[in-house]
């Protein structure tokens, strides 16, 4: 599966200031074979959104809110909306799910 990423550069700058992570770095969680994704029902009124938790390329557990669209077979487009470091409770959930 190949991924194509997109994001709003203004939102990314705000995210870097607030959470100290770029969306380019956040996108690396999609390489984590143990990533966990859920549908974000609360924030999906205008578009379908998901929340994915996974290890980024530096080994830090991140939580990324994004859209997901299968463009063609073997290619998905992901638009990143926000990214942050996982809380300790989320870290526990991730570890429990991957035991």
C-alpha atoms as a PDB file:
ATOM      1  CA  UNK A   1       0.000   0.000   0.000  1.00  0.00           C
ATOM      2  CA  UNK A   2       1.292   3.449  -0.933  1.00  0.00           C
ATOM      3  CA  UNK A   3       0.258   6.618   0.856  1.00  0.00           C
ATOM      4  CA  UNK A   4       0.029  10.154  -0.470  1.00  0.00           C
ATOM      5  CA  UNK A   5      -0.020  12.833   2.239  1.00  0.00           C
ATOM      6  CA  UNK A   6      -1.501  16.307   2.257  1.00  0.00           C
ATOM      7  CA  UNK A   7      -2.010  19.011   4.896  1.00  0.00           C
ATOM      8  CA  UNK A   8      -2.676  22.684   5.407  1.00  0.00           C
ATOM      9  CA  UNK A   9       0.704  24.433   5.938  1.00  0.00           C
ATOM     10  CA  UNK A  10      -0.865  27.037   8.259  1.00  0.00           C
ATOM     11  CA  UNK A  11      -2.313  24.268  10.448  1.00  0.00           C
ATOM     12  CA  UNK A  12       1.034  22.521  10.433  1.00  0.00           C
ATOM     13  CA  UNK A  13       2.827  25.625  11.725  1.00  0.00           C
ATOM     14  CA  UNK A  14       0.254  25.945  14.534  1.00  0.00           C
ATOM     15  CA  UNK A  15       0.676  22.258  15.335  1.00  0.00           C
ATOM     16  CA  UNK A  16       4.470  22.623  15.506  1.00  0.00           C
ATOM     17  CA  UNK A  17       4.130  25.533  17.943  1.00  0.00           C
ATOM     18  CA  UNK A  18       1.579  23.747  20.115  1.00  0.00           C
ATOM     19  CA  UNK A  19       2.726  20.107  19.985  1.00  0.00           C
ATOM     20  CA  UNK A  20       6.294  20.343  18.646  1.00  0.00           C
ATOM     21  CA  UNK A  21       5.729  17.928  15.751  1.00  0.00           C
ATOM     22  CA  UNK A  22       5.571  18.559  12.025  1.00  0.00           C
ATOM     23  CA  UNK A  23       3.000  16.776   9.901  1.00  0.00           C
ATOM     24  CA  UNK A  24       5.849  15.294   7.825  1.00  0.00           C
ATOM     25  CA  UNK A  25       7.160  13.608  10.990  1.00  0.00           C
ATOM     26  CA  UNK A  26       3.632  12.621  12.043  1.00  0.00           C
ATOM     27  CA  UNK A  27       3.077  10.894   8.694  1.00  0.00           C
ATOM     28  CA  UNK A  28       5.760   8.345   9.597  1.00  0.00           C
ATOM     29  CA  UNK A  29       3.350   6.607  12.017  1.00  0.00           C
ATOM     30  CA  UNK A  30       1.682   5.024   9.008  1.00  0.00           C
ATOM     31  CA  UNK A  31       4.788   2.832   8.614  1.00  0.00           C
ATOM     32  CA  UNK A  32       4.165   1.309  12.048  1.00  0.00           C
ATOM     33  CA  UNK A  33       2.799  -2.215  11.458  1.00  0.00           C
ATOM     34  CA  UNK A  34       1.128  -2.047  14.899  1.00  0.00           C
ATOM     35  CA  UNK A  35      -0.692   1.257  14.368  1.00  0.00           C
ATOM     36  CA  UNK A  36      -4.224   1.487  15.747  1.00  0.00           C
ATOM     37  CA  UNK A  37      -6.986   3.425  13.983  1.00  0.00           C
ATOM     38  CA  UNK A  38     -10.519   4.323  15.015  1.00  0.00           C
ATOM     39  CA  UNK A  39     -13.258   6.269  13.275  1.00  0.00           C
ATOM     40  CA  UNK A  40     -13.677   9.735  14.825  1.00  0.00           C
ATOM     41  CA  UNK A  41     -17.455   9.874  14.989  1.00  0.00           C
ATOM     42  CA  UNK A  42     -17.491  13.041  17.115  1.00  0.00           C
ATOM     43  CA  UNK A  43     -15.648  15.118  14.477  1.00  0.00           C
ATOM     44  CA  UNK A  44     -16.966  13.529  11.276  1.00  0.00           C
ATOM     45  CA  UNK A  45     -20.034  15.670  10.592  1.00  0.00           C
ATOM     46  CA  UNK A  46     -18.540  17.366   7.509  1.00  0.00           C
ATOM     47  CA  UNK A  47     -16.061  14.658   6.467  1.00  0.00           C
ATOM     48  CA  UNK A  48     -15.029  11.200   7.619  1.00  0.00           C
ATOM     49  CA  UNK A  49     -12.126  11.472  10.049  1.00  0.00           C
ATOM     50  CA  UNK A  50     -10.001   8.881  11.774  1.00  0.00           C
ATOM     51  CA  UNK A  51      -7.604   8.902  14.685  1.00  0.00           C
ATOM     52  CA  UNK A  52      -4.502   6.757  14.339  1.00  0.00           C
ATOM     53  CA  UNK A  53      -1.966   5.995  17.028  1.00  0.00           C
ATOM     54  CA  UNK A  54       1.460   4.639  16.138  1.00  0.00           C
ATOM     55  CA  UNK A  55       5.195   4.950  16.593  1.00  0.00           C
ATOM     56  CA  UNK A  56       6.849   7.610  14.451  1.00  0.00           C
ATOM     57  CA  UNK A  57      10.275   7.194  12.863  1.00  0.00           C
ATOM     58  CA  UNK A  58      11.971   8.313  16.092  1.00  0.00           C
ATOM     59  CA  UNK A  59      10.092   5.749  18.219  1.00  0.00           C
ATOM     60  CA  UNK A  60       7.727   8.262  19.857  1.00  0.00           C
ATOM     61  CA  UNK A  61       4.081   7.208  20.131  1.00  0.00           C
ATOM     62  CA  UNK A  62       1.931   9.785  18.314  1.00  0.00           C
ATOM     63  CA  UNK A  63      -1.795  10.382  17.868  1.00  0.00           C
ATOM     64  CA  UNK A  64      -2.763  11.723  14.435  1.00  0.00           C
ATOM     65  CA  UNK A  65      -6.189  12.937  13.331  1.00  0.00           C
ATOM     66  CA  UNK A  66      -6.672  12.603   9.578  1.00  0.00           C
ATOM     67  CA  UNK A  67      -8.909  11.815   6.651  1.00  0.00           C
ATOM     68  CA  UNK A  68      -8.384   8.668   4.604  1.00  0.00           C
ATOM     69  CA  UNK A  69      -9.397   8.145   0.989  1.00  0.00           C
ATOM     70  CA  UNK A  70      -8.602   5.147  -1.181  1.00  0.00           C
ATOM     71  CA  UNK A  71      -7.789   6.831  -4.515  1.00  0.00           C
ATOM     72  CA  UNK A  72      -7.090   3.642  -6.443  1.00  0.00           C
ATOM     73  CA  UNK A  73      -6.012   0.100  -5.719  1.00  0.00           C
ATOM     74  CA  UNK A  74      -2.813   0.268  -3.725  1.00  0.00           C
ATOM     75  CA  UNK A  75      -2.917   4.071  -3.235  1.00  0.00           C
ATOM     76  CA  UNK A  76      -4.484   5.996  -0.348  1.00  0.00           C
ATOM     77  CA  UNK A  77      -4.592   9.740   0.209  1.00  0.00           C
ATOM     78  CA  UNK A  78      -4.260  10.898   3.811  1.00  0.00           C
ATOM     79  CA  UNK A  79      -4.855  14.504   4.869  1.00  0.00           C
ATOM     80  CA  UNK A  80      -3.351  15.193   8.280  1.00  0.00           C
ATOM     81  CA  UNK A  81      -5.386  17.518  10.494  1.00  0.00           C
ATOM     82  CA  UNK A  82      -3.486  17.369  13.794  1.00  0.00           C
ATOM     83  CA  UNK A  83      -0.747  15.424  15.553  1.00  0.00           C
ATOM     84  CA  UNK A  84       0.529  15.171  19.095  1.00  0.00           C
ATOM     85  CA  UNK A  85       2.446  12.933  21.462  1.00  0.00           C
ATOM     86  CA  UNK A  86       0.304  10.199  23.039  1.00  0.00           C
ATOM     87  CA  UNK A  87      -0.707  10.518  26.677  1.00  0.00           C
ATOM     88  CA  UNK A  88       0.427   7.892  29.182  1.00  0.00           C
ATOM     89  CA  UNK A  89      -3.098   6.377  29.112  1.00  0.00           C
ATOM     90  CA  UNK A  90      -2.906   6.105  25.322  1.00  0.00           C
ATOM     91  CA  UNK A  91       0.560   4.540  25.611  1.00  0.00           C
ATOM     92  CA  UNK A  92      -0.933   1.874  27.882  1.00  0.00           C
ATOM     93  CA  UNK A  93      -3.744   1.205  25.383  1.00  0.00           C
ATOM     94  CA  UNK A  94      -1.225   0.840  22.552  1.00  0.00           C
ATOM     95  CA  UNK A  95       0.929  -1.561  24.573  1.00  0.00           C
ATOM     96  CA  UNK A  96      -2.078  -3.653  25.625  1.00  0.00           C
ATOM     97  CA  UNK A  97      -3.297  -3.908  22.044  1.00  0.00           C
ATOM     98  CA  UNK A  98       0.123  -5.061  20.852  1.00  0.00           C
ATOM     99  CA  UNK A  99       0.894  -7.724  23.448  1.00  0.00           C
END
